[in-house]
């Protein structure tokens, strides 16, 4: 994961950009969800194009984390603790969310399939919790992928040289008046987004990116310590069969089982993620 490298901007020019981008409080565009339900009506196979190429080239057996279903079948990813909540809430909402593993590590040390993400394999393209174009669990601590929309990601998850705004947003009619005013300078983007999205979707997008980075670093750390030995570079069909027959364990549960976290530390970690504490700290440096 790369933080974009910013070229040094002359102070006078930078202040003018900031003045133009922020304007006055009354002129600042503010995002407000239209509650149209469109974003929840078509969740299958929706992957940002810059992610799609990477997934197709690397996620089917070439990396430690293995994609378990075709891209066209997948819906939005749930972290393991989010999937547990959705499994409980489906009973309250009287729906069958059909929650299934999405990505896993086949650990040759323990012969276990460590499940990193889940997805909802509904009977239609719509989210199973969508009823009459409204979210039936909106009052709960929904998954990051729900709470971060209209974002796909935050500006911190970026490769050097990539347009900062490319792929950052999903398609949303409520964004029409905001997109033209998003500045180009990195620092100004962060300031602008932190003010233009009082619904905390920007905060959630940044926090989810931080969780992704945490998961990647944790997996690499487990490999370096030889705690896990992921199966890689083998026939994809072979890997799927092995995972299908293996004992399954959630990623955060494995961290406890392997002694990397205590049960209390796991709960504290998830609570910290839920509170967006890391994102608030990161954004505070720019506002």
Foldseek 3Di string as FASTA:
>chain_A
DFFADADDDPPVVVVVLLCQLCPDLVPQAAFDAPLQLPVQAAFALDDQPVVVVVCVVDQLFADQKHFQDDSRQFGDKFAPVQVVVVVVVCVVLVWDQQKDAGIWFCFPVVLETAGGIIGRRDPHRGGRQQDPSHRVPVVDLHGLVVLLPQFPAAQRPDDYPDQSPRRGGHDDPSCPVPVVSQGRGPLSNLVSVVSRYPSCSNLSRHLVVVVVVVVVVVVVVCVVVVVTDTRHDDDSVVVNVSNVPHHYDYNLVVCCVSPVDPPVRSVVVVVCSSVSVVSCVVSVVRD
